[in-house]
């Protein structure tokens, strides 16, 4: 099992890569302390541009406003090292 070693994300263990795109990565992860499973979406670039950060924040904002049983719920946006991650 891989472990995210990026500050506040380090307490999650990656169990599966769900998606690898040209700009983003999505992982299934578990927090061992309480066995909580989450999806974590992060920017692929080690040093993303301002525009990439802005677009990523907007995705999170829009995700928070949508409320439908068929959609994955956006829980939080976490800033770490040089990037950001959306917890779903």
N, C-alpha and C. Protein backbone atom coordinates (compact mmCIF):
# COMPACT_ATOMS: atom_id res chain seq x y z
N UNK A 1 0.83 -1.18 0.00
CA UNK A 1 0.00 0.00 0.00
C UNK A 1 0.88 1.25 0.00
N UNK A 2 0.64 2.16 -0.92
CA UNK A 2 1.40 3.42 -0.96
C UNK A 2 0.87 4.37 0.10
N UNK A 3 1.72 5.28 0.55
CA UNK A 3 1.30 6.26 1.53
C UNK A 3 1.60 7.64 0.99
N UNK A 4 0.59 8.52 1.04
CA UNK A 4 0.79 9.89 0.61
C UNK A 4 1.67 10.58 1.64
N UNK A 5 2.82 11.05 1.23
CA UNK A 5 3.73 11.70 2.18
C UNK A 5 3.80 13.20 1.91
N UNK A 6 2.65 13.82 1.97
CA UNK A 6 2.55 15.24 1.66
C UNK A 6 1.87 15.98 2.80
N UNK A 7 2.53 16.07 3.92
CA UNK A 7 2.01 16.83 5.04
C UNK A 7 0.72 16.27 5.59
N UNK A 8 -0.36 17.06 5.51
CA UNK A 8 -1.63 16.68 6.12
C UNK A 8 -2.28 15.48 5.44
N UNK A 9 -1.79 15.06 4.28
CA UNK A 9 -2.34 13.90 3.60
C UNK A 9 -1.66 12.61 4.02
N UNK A 10 -0.59 12.71 4.81
CA UNK A 10 0.22 11.54 5.14
C UNK A 10 -0.51 10.53 6.02
N UNK A 11 -1.62 10.92 6.64
CA UNK A 11 -2.33 9.95 7.47
C UNK A 11 -3.33 9.12 6.66
N UNK A 12 -3.27 9.20 5.33
CA UNK A 12 -4.09 8.37 4.46
C UNK A 12 -3.20 7.40 3.70
N UNK A 13 -3.65 6.19 3.54
CA UNK A 13 -2.94 5.18 2.75
C UNK A 13 -3.68 4.98 1.44
N UNK A 14 -2.99 5.12 0.33
CA UNK A 14 -3.60 4.93 -0.98
C UNK A 14 -3.79 3.43 -1.21
N UNK A 15 -5.00 3.06 -1.59
CA UNK A 15 -5.29 1.65 -1.86
C UNK A 15 -5.42 1.37 -3.35
N UNK A 16 -5.71 2.43 -4.15
CA UNK A 16 -5.92 2.21 -5.57
C UNK A 16 -5.83 3.55 -6.31
N UNK A 17 -5.28 3.51 -7.51
CA UNK A 17 -5.33 4.66 -8.40
C UNK A 17 -6.59 4.50 -9.24
N UNK A 18 -7.49 5.47 -9.13
CA UNK A 18 -8.76 5.39 -9.86
C UNK A 18 -8.69 6.04 -11.23
N UNK A 19 -7.84 7.09 -11.36
CA UNK A 19 -7.77 7.83 -12.61
C UNK A 19 -6.43 8.53 -12.72
N UNK A 20 -5.82 8.47 -13.89
CA UNK A 20 -4.59 9.20 -14.17
C UNK A 20 -4.79 9.98 -15.45
N UNK A 21 -5.05 11.28 -15.31
CA UNK A 21 -5.23 12.14 -16.47
C UNK A 21 -3.99 12.97 -16.72
N UNK A 22 -4.06 13.81 -17.73
CA UNK A 22 -2.90 14.65 -18.05
C UNK A 22 -2.70 15.74 -17.01
N UNK A 23 -3.77 16.17 -16.31
CA UNK A 23 -3.64 17.24 -15.31
C UNK A 23 -3.97 16.82 -13.89
N UNK A 24 -4.72 15.73 -13.71
CA UNK A 24 -5.13 15.33 -12.36
C UNK A 24 -4.93 13.83 -12.13
N UNK A 25 -4.87 13.49 -10.86
CA UNK A 25 -4.81 12.10 -10.41
C UNK A 25 -5.91 11.91 -9.39
N UNK A 26 -6.55 10.75 -9.40
CA UNK A 26 -7.58 10.44 -8.40
C UNK A 26 -7.22 9.10 -7.77
N UNK A 27 -7.19 9.09 -6.44
CA UNK A 27 -6.85 7.90 -5.68
C UNK A 27 -7.99 7.50 -4.75
N UNK A 28 -8.09 6.22 -4.48
CA UNK A 28 -8.92 5.74 -3.38
C UNK A 28 -7.95 5.59 -2.22
N UNK A 29 -8.33 6.12 -1.07
CA UNK A 29 -7.44 6.06 0.10
C UNK A 29 -8.25 5.74 1.34
N UNK A 30 -7.55 5.28 2.35
CA UNK A 30 -8.19 4.93 3.61
C UNK A 30 -7.39 5.57 4.74
N UNK A 31 -8.11 6.05 5.74
CA UNK A 31 -7.46 6.58 6.94
C UNK A 31 -7.45 5.45 7.96
N UNK A 32 -6.28 4.90 8.25
CA UNK A 32 -6.19 3.72 9.13
C UNK A 32 -6.77 3.94 10.52
N UNK A 33 -6.74 5.16 11.03
CA UNK A 33 -7.21 5.40 12.40
C UNK A 33 -8.69 5.06 12.59
N UNK A 34 -9.52 5.28 11.55
CA UNK A 34 -10.95 4.97 11.69
C UNK A 34 -11.52 4.21 10.49
N UNK A 35 -10.62 3.72 9.61
CA UNK A 35 -11.02 2.92 8.44
C UNK A 35 -11.93 3.69 7.47
N UNK A 36 -11.86 5.00 7.46
CA UNK A 36 -12.68 5.83 6.57
C UNK A 36 -12.08 5.82 5.17
N UNK A 37 -12.90 5.53 4.16
CA UNK A 37 -12.46 5.50 2.77
C UNK A 37 -12.87 6.80 2.09
N UNK A 38 -11.94 7.38 1.33
CA UNK A 38 -12.21 8.62 0.60
C UNK A 38 -11.58 8.51 -0.79
N UNK A 39 -12.02 9.38 -1.68
CA UNK A 39 -11.36 9.58 -2.96
C UNK A 39 -10.61 10.91 -2.84
N UNK A 40 -9.38 10.93 -3.31
CA UNK A 40 -8.56 12.13 -3.24
C UNK A 40 -8.15 12.51 -4.65
N UNK A 41 -8.55 13.70 -5.07
CA UNK A 41 -8.18 14.21 -6.39
C UNK A 41 -7.10 15.26 -6.20
N UNK A 42 -6.01 15.14 -6.93
CA UNK A 42 -4.93 16.11 -6.81
C UNK A 42 -4.42 16.51 -8.19
N UNK A 43 -3.75 17.64 -8.22
CA UNK A 43 -3.13 18.09 -9.46
C UNK A 43 -1.90 17.23 -9.73
N UNK A 44 -1.70 16.88 -10.97
CA UNK A 44 -0.60 16.00 -11.35
C UNK A 44 0.75 16.71 -11.32
N UNK A 45 0.77 17.97 -11.71
CA UNK A 45 2.01 18.72 -11.79
C UNK A 45 2.60 18.98 -10.40
N UNK A 46 3.90 18.84 -10.31
CA UNK A 46 4.59 19.10 -9.04
C UNK A 46 4.56 20.60 -8.71
N UNK A 47 4.56 21.44 -9.74
CA UNK A 47 4.50 22.90 -9.57
C UNK A 47 3.42 23.47 -10.48
N UNK A 48 2.14 23.33 -10.08
CA UNK A 48 1.04 23.78 -10.93
C UNK A 48 1.00 25.31 -11.06
N UNK A 49 0.47 25.76 -12.16
CA UNK A 49 0.34 27.18 -12.43
C UNK A 49 -0.78 27.79 -11.59
N UNK A 50 -0.81 29.11 -11.54
CA UNK A 50 -1.87 29.81 -10.83
C UNK A 50 -3.23 29.44 -11.43
N UNK A 51 -3.30 29.37 -12.76
CA UNK A 51 -4.56 29.03 -13.43
C UNK A 51 -5.03 27.63 -13.04
N UNK A 52 -4.09 26.69 -12.94
CA UNK A 52 -4.46 25.32 -12.54
C UNK A 52 -5.02 25.31 -11.12
N UNK A 53 -4.36 26.04 -10.21
CA UNK A 53 -4.87 26.14 -8.84
C UNK A 53 -6.26 26.77 -8.82
N UNK A 54 -6.44 27.81 -9.59
CA UNK A 54 -7.73 28.52 -9.62
C UNK A 54 -8.84 27.61 -10.15
N UNK A 55 -8.56 26.89 -11.22
CA UNK A 55 -9.56 25.98 -11.79
C UNK A 55 -9.89 24.85 -10.81
N UNK A 56 -8.89 24.37 -10.12
CA UNK A 56 -9.08 23.29 -9.15
C UNK A 56 -9.97 23.77 -7.99
N UNK A 57 -9.71 24.97 -7.50
CA UNK A 57 -10.55 25.55 -6.43
C UNK A 57 -11.99 25.73 -6.92
N UNK A 58 -12.16 26.16 -8.17
CA UNK A 58 -13.51 26.32 -8.73
C UNK A 58 -14.25 24.99 -8.82
N UNK A 59 -13.55 23.92 -9.18
CA UNK A 59 -14.18 22.59 -9.22
C UNK A 59 -14.71 22.22 -7.84
N UNK A 60 -13.92 22.51 -6.82
CA UNK A 60 -14.34 22.22 -5.46
C UNK A 60 -15.55 23.06 -5.07
N UNK A 61 -15.53 24.34 -5.39
CA UNK A 61 -16.65 25.25 -5.06
C UNK A 61 -17.93 24.79 -5.74
N UNK A 62 -17.85 24.45 -7.02
CA UNK A 62 -19.03 23.98 -7.75
C UNK A 62 -19.51 22.65 -7.16
N UNK A 63 -18.59 21.78 -6.84
CA UNK A 63 -18.96 20.49 -6.25
C UNK A 63 -19.69 20.62 -4.94
N UNK A 64 -19.35 21.65 -4.15
CA UNK A 64 -20.03 21.88 -2.88
C UNK A 64 -21.46 22.35 -3.08
N UNK A 65 -21.74 23.05 -4.19
CA UNK A 65 -23.08 23.60 -4.40
C UNK A 65 -24.04 22.57 -4.98
N UNK A 66 -23.52 21.51 -5.58
CA UNK A 66 -24.39 20.50 -6.18
C UNK A 66 -24.81 19.48 -5.13
N UNK A 67 -26.09 19.19 -5.08
CA UNK A 67 -26.61 18.23 -4.12
C UNK A 67 -27.54 17.26 -4.84
N UNK A 68 -26.99 16.11 -5.17
CA UNK A 68 -27.76 15.10 -5.89
C UNK A 68 -27.26 13.73 -5.46
N UNK A 69 -28.15 12.78 -5.24
CA UNK A 69 -27.71 11.46 -4.77
C UNK A 69 -26.78 10.73 -5.73
N UNK A 70 -26.79 11.08 -7.02
CA UNK A 70 -25.95 10.42 -7.99
C UNK A 70 -24.56 11.02 -8.13
N UNK A 71 -24.28 12.10 -7.40
CA UNK A 71 -22.99 12.77 -7.49
C UNK A 71 -22.14 12.52 -6.26
N UNK A 72 -20.84 12.46 -6.46
CA UNK A 72 -19.91 12.30 -5.34
C UNK A 72 -19.84 13.63 -4.61
N UNK A 73 -19.92 13.60 -3.30
CA UNK A 73 -19.90 14.81 -2.48
C UNK A 73 -18.48 15.29 -2.24
N UNK A 74 -18.23 16.55 -2.52
CA UNK A 74 -16.94 17.17 -2.24
C UNK A 74 -16.91 17.53 -0.76
N UNK A 75 -15.92 17.07 -0.03
CA UNK A 75 -15.86 17.33 1.41
C UNK A 75 -14.97 18.49 1.77
N UNK A 76 -13.74 18.50 1.22
CA UNK A 76 -12.82 19.57 1.60
C UNK A 76 -11.73 19.75 0.56
N UNK A 77 -11.16 20.94 0.56
CA UNK A 77 -10.01 21.27 -0.27
C UNK A 77 -8.84 21.48 0.67
N UNK A 78 -7.79 20.71 0.48
CA UNK A 78 -6.62 20.76 1.37
C UNK A 78 -5.42 21.26 0.56
N UNK A 79 -4.71 22.23 1.11
CA UNK A 79 -3.48 22.71 0.49
C UNK A 79 -2.32 21.99 1.14
N UNK A 80 -1.41 21.50 0.32
CA UNK A 80 -0.22 20.82 0.83
C UNK A 80 0.96 21.12 -0.08
N UNK A 81 2.12 21.20 0.47
CA UNK A 81 3.38 21.46 -0.23
C UNK A 81 3.14 22.49 -1.34
N UNK A 82 3.19 22.09 -2.62
CA UNK A 82 2.97 22.98 -3.76
C UNK A 82 1.63 22.77 -4.42
N UNK A 83 0.78 21.96 -3.84
CA UNK A 83 -0.46 21.62 -4.53
C UNK A 83 -1.68 21.68 -3.65
N UNK A 84 -2.74 21.10 -4.19
CA UNK A 84 -4.02 21.03 -3.50
C UNK A 84 -4.62 19.66 -3.75
N UNK A 85 -5.50 19.26 -2.86
CA UNK A 85 -6.21 17.98 -3.03
C UNK A 85 -7.66 18.20 -2.62
N UNK A 86 -8.56 17.57 -3.36
CA UNK A 86 -9.99 17.60 -3.03
C UNK A 86 -10.33 16.24 -2.46
N UNK A 87 -10.91 16.24 -1.27
CA UNK A 87 -11.37 15.01 -0.63
C UNK A 87 -12.84 14.84 -0.96
N UNK A 88 -13.18 13.63 -1.45
CA UNK A 88 -14.56 13.34 -1.84
C UNK A 88 -15.02 12.09 -1.10
